[in-house]
Amino acid sequence: MFGVLVNTLAVLLGSTVGLLFQKVIPKKVSGGVMTALALCTLYIGIDGMLNGANVLLIIIAMVLGAIVGFLLNIDGGIEALGNLVERRFSKSESGTVARGFVTASLLFCVGAMTVVGSLNAGLSGDNTLLFTKSLLDLCSSIMLSVSLGIGVLFSAAFVFVFQGALVLLAQVLQPLLTDGAIQAMTCAGSLMIVALGLNLLGIPKIKVANYLPALLFAPLLQWLFSLPFLGGLFS
């Protein structure tokens, strides 16, 4: 768990630094930074989408994820939590806490580096990938918190829980999280990152958090499609 702790502390430190800078940066500059981050988010998402994952699998995972997510109203729950935090800490930044939390949590936790790094830490105690990711997240959290505020700071809790769970369950998850499963999960997550980028640009208002269950369905479907009785039907 040492690598997870380092990664969590990196997000906390970077977010704190960004929040300090936020107080002295003019609004027009922070607005420009927001647009730059949105464009970079779109690039990261599009790049992840082009990793060769099975298209049919991703479609099914996203549809199932949407059904579960909208029935559970995950986005509404996160929004309510964000509003609670806003009333306590940041009354002048209505709506930004939940957006910052969701955006940062997905950017920090969706991707092969997160999954492989956490599995390596859990299976062999090798934290190399998580240390590398910590450095990247430190820089990213500084920039994100300048534009998105305190919600980025709270994403550290999601980083700790998500990566910690992967480390603790590494022995159980290893057979399921094959290269293909990680590829499918990354592709599904990248679609959500594209949606986040569009939200940051203010084009649509996509309830991205409601699609989070697709991250669970993607590796499950990859495992299911690989079973012998399906005979490569979806390959």
C-alpha atoms as a PDB file:
ATOM      1  CA  MET A   1       0.000   0.000   0.000  1.00  0.00           C
ATOM      2  CA  PHE A   2       3.024   2.305   0.181  1.00  0.00           C
ATOM      3  CA  GLY A   3       2.749   3.268  -3.480  1.00  0.00           C
ATOM      4  CA  VAL A   4      -0.958   4.074  -3.042  1.00  0.00           C
ATOM      5  CA  LEU A   5      -0.165   6.293  -0.055  1.00  0.00           C
ATOM      6  CA  VAL A   6       2.500   8.132  -2.049  1.00  0.00           C
ATOM      7  CA  ASN A   7       0.068   8.649  -4.938  1.00  0.00           C
ATOM      8  CA  THR A   8      -2.633   9.938  -2.555  1.00  0.00           C
ATOM      9  CA  LEU A   9      -0.209  12.343  -0.887  1.00  0.00           C
ATOM     10  CA  ALA A  10       0.954  13.552  -4.315  1.00  0.00           C
ATOM     11  CA  VAL A  11      -2.636  14.485  -5.242  1.00  0.00           C
ATOM     12  CA  LEU A  12      -3.158  16.195  -1.875  1.00  0.00           C
ATOM     13  CA  LEU A  13       0.075  18.168  -2.202  1.00  0.00           C
ATOM     14  CA  GLY A  14      -0.493  19.144  -5.823  1.00  0.00           C
ATOM     15  CA  SER A  15      -4.083  20.200  -5.144  1.00  0.00           C
ATOM     16  CA  THR A  16      -3.029  22.313  -2.176  1.00  0.00           C
ATOM     17  CA  VAL A  17      -0.375  24.088  -4.236  1.00  0.00           C
ATOM     18  CA  GLY A  18      -2.892  24.679  -7.020  1.00  0.00           C
ATOM     19  CA  LEU A  19      -5.457  26.122  -4.589  1.00  0.00           C
ATOM     20  CA  LEU A  20      -2.835  28.537  -3.263  1.00  0.00           C
ATOM     21  CA  PHE A  21      -2.037  29.671  -6.816  1.00  0.00           C
ATOM     22  CA  GLN A  22      -5.753  29.981  -7.550  1.00  0.00           C
ATOM     23  CA  LYS A  23      -6.045  32.897  -5.121  1.00  0.00           C
ATOM     24  CA  VAL A  24      -3.517  35.039  -6.986  1.00  0.00           C
ATOM     25  CA  ILE A  25      -4.276  34.104 -10.613  1.00  0.00           C
ATOM     26  CA  PRO A  26      -6.721  36.422 -12.471  1.00  0.00           C
ATOM     27  CA  LYS A  27     -10.019  34.868 -13.571  1.00  0.00           C
ATOM     28  CA  LYS A  28      -9.308  35.391 -17.262  1.00  0.00           C
ATOM     29  CA  VAL A  29      -6.062  33.426 -16.879  1.00  0.00           C
ATOM     30  CA  SER A  30      -7.750  30.603 -14.958  1.00  0.00           C
ATOM     31  CA  GLY A  31     -10.404  30.544 -17.697  1.00  0.00           C
ATOM     32  CA  GLY A  32      -7.681  30.097 -20.297  1.00  0.00           C
ATOM     33  CA  VAL A  33      -6.146  27.324 -18.216  1.00  0.00           C
ATOM     34  CA  MET A  34      -9.570  25.640 -18.059  1.00  0.00           C
ATOM     35  CA  THR A  35      -9.849  25.644 -21.866  1.00  0.00           C
ATOM     36  CA  ALA A  36      -6.315  24.268 -22.188  1.00  0.00           C
ATOM     37  CA  LEU A  37      -7.119  21.500 -19.715  1.00  0.00           C
ATOM     38  CA  ALA A  38     -10.317  20.680 -21.603  1.00  0.00           C
ATOM     39  CA  LEU A  39      -8.407  20.325 -24.875  1.00  0.00           C
ATOM     40  CA  CYS A  40      -5.737  18.164 -23.207  1.00  0.00           C
ATOM     41  CA  THR A  41      -8.489  16.049 -21.618  1.00  0.00           C
ATOM     42  CA  LEU A  42     -10.019  15.489 -25.053  1.00  0.00           C
ATOM     43  CA  TYR A  43      -6.607  14.462 -26.390  1.00  0.00           C
ATOM     44  CA  ILE A  44      -6.044  11.988 -23.541  1.00  0.00           C
ATOM     45  CA  GLY A  45      -9.497  10.498 -24.059  1.00  0.00           C
ATOM     46  CA  ILE A  46      -9.216  10.181 -27.831  1.00  0.00           C
ATOM     47  CA  ASP A  47      -5.744   8.652 -27.535  1.00  0.00           C
ATOM     48  CA  GLY A  48      -7.043   6.056 -25.063  1.00  0.00           C
ATOM     49  CA  MET A  49     -10.024   5.227 -27.281  1.00  0.00           C
ATOM     50  CA  LEU A  50      -7.704   4.220 -30.117  1.00  0.00           C
ATOM     51  CA  ASN A  51      -6.128   1.277 -28.297  1.00  0.00           C
ATOM     52  CA  GLY A  52      -7.773  -1.426 -30.385  1.00  0.00           C
ATOM     53  CA  ALA A  53     -10.376  -2.659 -27.899  1.00  0.00           C
ATOM     54  CA  ASN A  54     -13.321  -4.695 -29.190  1.00  0.00           C
ATOM     55  CA  VAL A  55     -15.934  -2.158 -30.370  1.00  0.00           C
ATOM     56  CA  LEU A  56     -18.947  -4.390 -29.661  1.00  0.00           C
ATOM     57  CA  LEU A  57     -17.667  -5.104 -26.171  1.00  0.00           C
ATOM     58  CA  ILE A  58     -17.262  -1.388 -25.434  1.00  0.00           C
ATOM     59  CA  ILE A  59     -20.752  -0.595 -26.746  1.00  0.00           C
ATOM     60  CA  ILE A  60     -22.333  -3.264 -24.532  1.00  0.00           C
ATOM     61  CA  ALA A  61     -20.263  -2.179 -21.507  1.00  0.00           C
ATOM     62  CA  MET A  62     -21.237   1.482 -21.946  1.00  0.00           C
ATOM     63  CA  VAL A  63     -24.932   0.660 -22.432  1.00  0.00           C
ATOM     64  CA  LEU A  64     -25.027  -1.617 -19.373  1.00  0.00           C
ATOM     65  CA  GLY A  65     -23.017   0.919 -17.408  1.00  0.00           C
ATOM     66  CA  ALA A  66     -25.454   3.684 -18.366  1.00  0.00           C
ATOM     67  CA  ILE A  67     -28.469   1.591 -17.344  1.00  0.00           C
ATOM     68  CA  VAL A  68     -27.002   0.824 -13.918  1.00  0.00           C
ATOM     69  CA  GLY A  69     -25.555   4.298 -13.429  1.00  0.00           C
ATOM     70  CA  PHE A  70     -28.755   6.169 -14.271  1.00  0.00           C
ATOM     71  CA  LEU A  71     -30.896   3.812 -12.189  1.00  0.00           C
ATOM     72  CA  LEU A  72     -28.566   4.375  -9.217  1.00  0.00           C
ATOM     73  CA  ASN A  73     -28.229   8.085 -10.097  1.00  0.00           C
ATOM     74  CA  ILE A  74     -24.504   8.047  -9.297  1.00  0.00           C
ATOM     75  CA  ASP A  75     -24.039  11.533 -10.728  1.00  0.00           C
ATOM     76  CA  GLY A  76     -26.825  12.878  -8.520  1.00  0.00           C
ATOM     77  CA  GLY A  77     -25.258  11.309  -5.455  1.00  0.00           C
ATOM     78  CA  ILE A  78     -21.859  12.831  -6.183  1.00  0.00           C
ATOM     79  CA  GLU A  79     -23.507  16.185  -6.936  1.00  0.00           C
ATOM     80  CA  ALA A  80     -25.306  16.084  -3.587  1.00  0.00           C
ATOM     81  CA  LEU A  81     -22.048  15.251  -1.798  1.00  0.00           C
ATOM     82  CA  GLY A  82     -20.317  18.076  -3.662  1.00  0.00           C
ATOM     83  CA  ASN A  83     -23.068  20.526  -2.703  1.00  0.00           C
ATOM     84  CA  LEU A  84     -22.717  19.484   0.927  1.00  0.00           C
ATOM     85  CA  VAL A  85     -18.992  20.189   0.811  1.00  0.00           C
ATOM     86  CA  GLU A  86     -19.594  23.493  -0.970  1.00  0.00           C
ATOM     87  CA  ARG A  87     -21.982  24.684   1.725  1.00  0.00           C
ATOM     88  CA  ARG A  88     -19.357  23.869   4.324  1.00  0.00           C
ATOM     89  CA  PHE A  89     -16.168  25.036   2.618  1.00  0.00           C
ATOM     90  CA  SER A  90     -16.830  27.061  -0.506  1.00  0.00           C
ATOM     91  CA  LYS A  91     -20.180  28.836  -0.746  1.00  0.00           C
ATOM     92  CA  SER A  92     -19.011  31.032  -3.607  1.00  0.00           C
ATOM     93  CA  GLU A  93     -18.109  28.158  -5.935  1.00  0.00           C
ATOM     94  CA  SER A  94     -21.470  26.474  -6.430  1.00  0.00           C
ATOM     95  CA  GLY A  95     -21.306  23.438  -8.681  1.00  0.00           C
ATOM     96  CA  THR A  96     -17.534  23.246  -8.974  1.00  0.00           C
ATOM     97  CA  VAL A  97     -16.721  20.769  -6.190  1.00  0.00           C
ATOM     98  CA  ALA A  98     -18.539  17.826  -7.746  1.00  0.00           C
ATOM     99  CA  ARG A  99     -17.170  18.642 -11.199  1.00  0.00           C
ATOM    100  CA  GLY A 100     -13.626  18.904  -9.875  1.00  0.00           C
ATOM    101  CA  PHE A 101     -13.989  15.667  -7.917  1.00  0.00           C
ATOM    102  CA  VAL A 102     -15.364  13.633 -10.831  1.00  0.00           C
ATOM    103  CA  THR A 103     -12.942  15.070 -13.397  1.00  0.00           C
ATOM    104  CA  ALA A 104      -9.848  14.547 -11.256  1.00  0.00           C
ATOM    105  CA  SER A 105     -10.922  11.108  -9.990  1.00  0.00           C
ATOM    106  CA  LEU A 106     -11.409   9.768 -13.514  1.00  0.00           C
ATOM    107  CA  LEU A 107      -8.219  11.308 -14.867  1.00  0.00           C
ATOM    108  CA  PHE A 108      -6.198   9.914 -11.963  1.00  0.00           C
ATOM    109  CA  CYS A 109      -7.761   6.442 -11.828  1.00  0.00           C
ATOM    110  CA  VAL A 110      -8.707   5.461 -15.391  1.00  0.00           C
ATOM    111  CA  GLY A 111      -5.923   3.919 -17.388  1.00  0.00           C
ATOM    112  CA  ALA A 112      -3.506   1.049 -17.702  1.00  0.00           C
ATOM    113  CA  MET A 113      -0.904   2.676 -15.440  1.00  0.00           C
ATOM    114  CA  THR A 114      -3.348   2.693 -12.520  1.00  0.00           C
ATOM    115  CA  VAL A 115      -4.466  -0.908 -12.953  1.00  0.00           C
ATOM    116  CA  VAL A 116      -1.100  -2.447 -13.818  1.00  0.00           C
ATOM    117  CA  GLY A 117       0.725  -0.383 -11.195  1.00  0.00           C
ATOM    118  CA  SER A 118      -1.716  -1.411  -8.469  1.00  0.00           C
ATOM    119  CA  LEU A 119      -1.581  -5.082  -9.494  1.00  0.00           C
ATOM    120  CA  ASN A 120       2.227  -5.020  -9.496  1.00  0.00           C
ATOM    121  CA  ALA A 121       2.197  -3.502  -6.018  1.00  0.00           C
ATOM    122  CA  GLY A 122      -0.258  -6.102  -4.730  1.00  0.00           C
ATOM    123  CA  LEU A 123       1.322  -9.152  -6.361  1.00  0.00           C
ATOM    124  CA  SER A 124       5.044  -8.452  -6.056  1.00  0.00           C
ATOM    125  CA  GLY A 125       5.409  -5.295  -3.959  1.00  0.00           C
ATOM    126  CA  ASP A 126       6.772  -3.404  -6.978  1.00  0.00           C
ATOM    127  CA  ASN A 127       5.659   0.237  -6.645  1.00  0.00           C
ATOM    128  CA  THR A 128       7.674   1.601  -9.578  1.00  0.00           C
ATOM    129  CA  LEU A 129       4.674   2.372 -11.789  1.00  0.00           C
ATOM    130  CA  LEU A 130       2.728   3.931  -8.934  1.00  0.00           C
ATOM    131  CA  PHE A 131       5.694   6.172  -8.083  1.00  0.00           C
ATOM    132  CA  THR A 132       5.882   7.297 -11.707  1.00  0.00           C
ATOM    133  CA  LYS A 133       2.128   7.898 -11.741  1.00  0.00           C
ATOM    134  CA  SER A 134       2.426   9.883  -8.489  1.00  0.00           C
ATOM    135  CA  LEU A 135       4.788  12.343 -10.151  1.00  0.00           C
ATOM    136  CA  LEU A 136       2.412  12.774 -13.105  1.00  0.00           C
ATOM    137  CA  ASP A 137      -0.590  13.206 -10.795  1.00  0.00           C
ATOM    138  CA  LEU A 138       1.295  15.765  -8.706  1.00  0.00           C
ATOM    139  CA  CYS A 139       1.729  17.995 -11.750  1.00  0.00           C
ATOM    140  CA  SER A 140      -1.793  17.356 -13.045  1.00  0.00           C
ATOM    141  CA  SER A 141      -3.463  18.085  -9.702  1.00  0.00           C
ATOM    142  CA  ILE A 142      -1.739  21.476  -9.510  1.00  0.00           C
ATOM    143  CA  MET A 143      -3.157  22.545 -12.867  1.00  0.00           C
ATOM    144  CA  LEU A 144      -6.586  21.009 -12.284  1.00  0.00           C
ATOM    145  CA  SER A 145      -7.112  22.618  -8.886  1.00  0.00           C
ATOM    146  CA  VAL A 146      -6.236  26.060 -10.273  1.00  0.00           C
ATOM    147  CA  SER A 147      -9.296  25.832 -12.525  1.00  0.00           C
ATOM    148  CA  LEU A 148     -11.601  23.346 -10.765  1.00  0.00           C
ATOM    149  CA  GLY A 149     -10.957  24.220  -7.146  1.00  0.00           C
ATOM    150  CA  ILE A 150     -11.222  22.178  -3.978  1.00  0.00           C
ATOM    151  CA  GLY A 151     -13.024  19.237  -5.608  1.00  0.00           C
ATOM    152  CA  VAL A 152      -9.662  18.080  -6.977  1.00  0.00           C
ATOM    153  CA  LEU A 153      -8.332  17.853  -3.422  1.00  0.00           C
ATOM    154  CA  PHE A 154     -11.153  15.497  -2.424  1.00  0.00           C
ATOM    155  CA  SER A 155     -10.366  13.215  -5.368  1.00  0.00           C
ATOM    156  CA  ALA A 156      -7.386  12.016  -3.319  1.00  0.00           C
ATOM    157  CA  ALA A 157      -9.866   9.952  -1.289  1.00  0.00           C
ATOM    158  CA  PHE A 158     -11.103   8.237  -4.454  1.00  0.00           C
ATOM    159  CA  VAL A 159      -7.504   7.570  -5.538  1.00  0.00           C
ATOM    160  CA  PHE A 160      -6.755   5.962  -2.182  1.00  0.00           C
ATOM    161  CA  VAL A 161      -9.895   3.797  -2.133  1.00  0.00           C
ATOM    162  CA  PHE A 162      -9.776   2.735  -5.800  1.00  0.00           C
ATOM    163  CA  GLN A 163      -6.065   1.940  -6.022  1.00  0.00           C
ATOM    164  CA  GLY A 164      -6.008   0.506  -2.506  1.00  0.00           C
ATOM    165  CA  ALA A 165      -8.803  -1.895  -3.409  1.00  0.00           C
ATOM    166  CA  LEU A 166      -6.897  -3.017  -6.515  1.00  0.00           C
ATOM    167  CA  VAL A 167      -3.763  -3.651  -4.437  1.00  0.00           C
ATOM    168  CA  LEU A 168      -5.606  -5.596  -1.730  1.00  0.00           C
ATOM    169  CA  LEU A 169      -7.592  -7.639  -4.258  1.00  0.00           C
ATOM    170  CA  ALA A 170      -4.695  -8.176  -6.671  1.00  0.00           C
ATOM    171  CA  GLN A 171      -4.543 -11.942  -6.149  1.00  0.00           C
ATOM    172  CA  VAL A 172      -8.283 -12.285  -6.828  1.00  0.00           C
ATOM    173  CA  LEU A 173      -8.397  -9.856  -9.764  1.00  0.00           C
ATOM    174  CA  GLN A 174      -5.278 -11.078 -11.599  1.00  0.00           C
ATOM    175  CA  PRO A 175      -7.073 -13.810 -13.640  1.00  0.00           C
ATOM    176  CA  LEU A 176      -9.799 -11.354 -14.657  1.00  0.00           C
ATOM    177  CA  LEU A 177      -7.643  -8.313 -15.451  1.00  0.00           C
ATOM    178  CA  THR A 178      -5.834  -9.689 -18.486  1.00  0.00           C
ATOM    179  CA  ASP A 179      -4.211  -7.411 -21.047  1.00  0.00           C
ATOM    180  CA  GLY A 180      -7.454  -7.463 -23.033  1.00  0.00           C
ATOM    181  CA  ALA A 181      -9.529  -6.594 -19.968  1.00  0.00           C
ATOM    182  CA  ILE A 182      -7.262  -3.670 -19.069  1.00  0.00           C
ATOM    183  CA  GLN A 183      -7.446  -2.522 -22.684  1.00  0.00           C
ATOM    184  CA  ALA A 184     -11.262  -2.643 -22.608  1.00  0.00           C
ATOM    185  CA  MET A 185     -11.413  -0.812 -19.276  1.00  0.00           C
ATOM    186  CA  THR A 186      -9.050   1.864 -20.572  1.00  0.00           C
ATOM    187  CA  CYS A 187     -11.131   2.359 -23.703  1.00  0.00           C
ATOM    188  CA  ALA A 188     -14.398   2.679 -21.741  1.00  0.00           C
ATOM    189  CA  GLY A 189     -12.756   5.108 -19.349  1.00  0.00           C
ATOM    190  CA  SER A 190     -11.347   7.103 -22.237  1.00  0.00           C
ATOM    191  CA  LEU A 191     -14.856   7.608 -23.616  1.00  0.00           C
ATOM    192  CA  MET A 192     -15.788   9.121 -20.265  1.00  0.00           C
ATOM    193  CA  ILE A 193     -12.701  11.324 -20.354  1.00  0.00           C
ATOM    194  CA  VAL A 194     -13.785  12.647 -23.767  1.00  0.00           C
ATOM    195  CA  ALA A 195     -17.175  13.443 -22.228  1.00  0.00           C
ATOM    196  CA  LEU A 196     -15.391  15.243 -19.386  1.00  0.00           C
ATOM    197  CA  GLY A 197     -13.416  17.292 -21.886  1.00  0.00           C
ATOM    198  CA  LEU A 198     -16.612  18.323 -23.654  1.00  0.00           C
ATOM    199  CA  ASN A 199     -18.164  19.265 -20.310  1.00  0.00           C
ATOM    200  CA  LEU A 200     -15.137  21.394 -19.449  1.00  0.00           C
ATOM    201  CA  LEU A 201     -15.553  23.243 -22.748  1.00  0.00           C
ATOM    202  CA  GLY A 202     -19.185  23.874 -21.825  1.00  0.00           C
ATOM    203  CA  ILE A 203     -20.555  22.202 -24.972  1.00  0.00           C
ATOM    204  CA  PRO A 204     -22.962  19.571 -23.513  1.00  0.00           C
ATOM    205  CA  LYS A 205     -23.761  18.617 -19.953  1.00  0.00           C
ATOM    206  CA  ILE A 206     -23.077  14.894 -19.830  1.00  0.00           C
ATOM    207  CA  LYS A 207     -23.635  13.141 -16.501  1.00  0.00           C
ATOM    208  CA  VAL A 208     -20.321  11.332 -16.778  1.00  0.00           C
ATOM    209  CA  ALA A 209     -20.406   9.673 -13.343  1.00  0.00           C
ATOM    210  CA  ASN A 210     -23.493   7.697 -14.363  1.00  0.00           C
ATOM    211  CA  TYR A 211     -21.327   5.771 -16.837  1.00  0.00           C
ATOM    212  CA  LEU A 212     -18.792   4.650 -14.212  1.00  0.00           C
ATOM    213  CA  PRO A 213     -20.281   1.111 -13.920  1.00  0.00           C
ATOM    214  CA  ALA A 214     -18.999   0.530 -17.473  1.00  0.00           C
ATOM    215  CA  LEU A 215     -15.508   0.276 -15.930  1.00  0.00           C
ATOM    216  CA  LEU A 216     -16.721  -2.877 -14.166  1.00  0.00           C
ATOM    217  CA  PHE A 217     -18.663  -4.293 -17.097  1.00  0.00           C
ATOM    218  CA  ALA A 218     -15.758  -3.885 -19.563  1.00  0.00           C
ATOM    219  CA  PRO A 219     -13.350  -6.417 -17.952  1.00  0.00           C
ATOM    220  CA  LEU A 220     -16.234  -8.718 -17.056  1.00  0.00           C
ATOM    221  CA  LEU A 221     -17.428  -8.810 -20.665  1.00  0.00           C
ATOM    222  CA  GLN A 222     -13.861  -9.297 -21.905  1.00  0.00           C
ATOM    223  CA  TRP A 223     -13.561 -12.358 -19.658  1.00  0.00           C
ATOM    224  CA  LEU A 224     -16.983 -13.617 -20.748  1.00  0.00           C
ATOM    225  CA  PHE A 225     -16.213 -13.203 -24.452  1.00  0.00           C
ATOM    226  CA  SER A 226     -12.997 -15.188 -24.000  1.00  0.00           C
ATOM    227  CA  LEU A 227     -14.770 -18.277 -22.667  1.00  0.00           C
ATOM    228  CA  PRO A 228     -14.487 -21.359 -24.958  1.00  0.00           C
ATOM    229  CA  PHE A 229     -18.234 -21.840 -25.417  1.00  0.00           C
ATOM    230  CA  LEU A 230     -18.472 -18.458 -27.160  1.00  0.00           C
ATOM    231  CA  GLY A 231     -15.849 -19.636 -29.614  1.00  0.00           C
ATOM    232  CA  GLY A 232     -14.398 -16.238 -30.398  1.00  0.00           C
ATOM    233  CA  LEU A 233     -17.797 -14.942 -31.500  1.00  0.00           C
ATOM    234  CA  PHE A 234     -16.929 -11.401 -30.455  1.00  0.00           C
ATOM    235  CA  SER A 235     -13.279 -11.332 -31.546  1.00  0.00           C
END
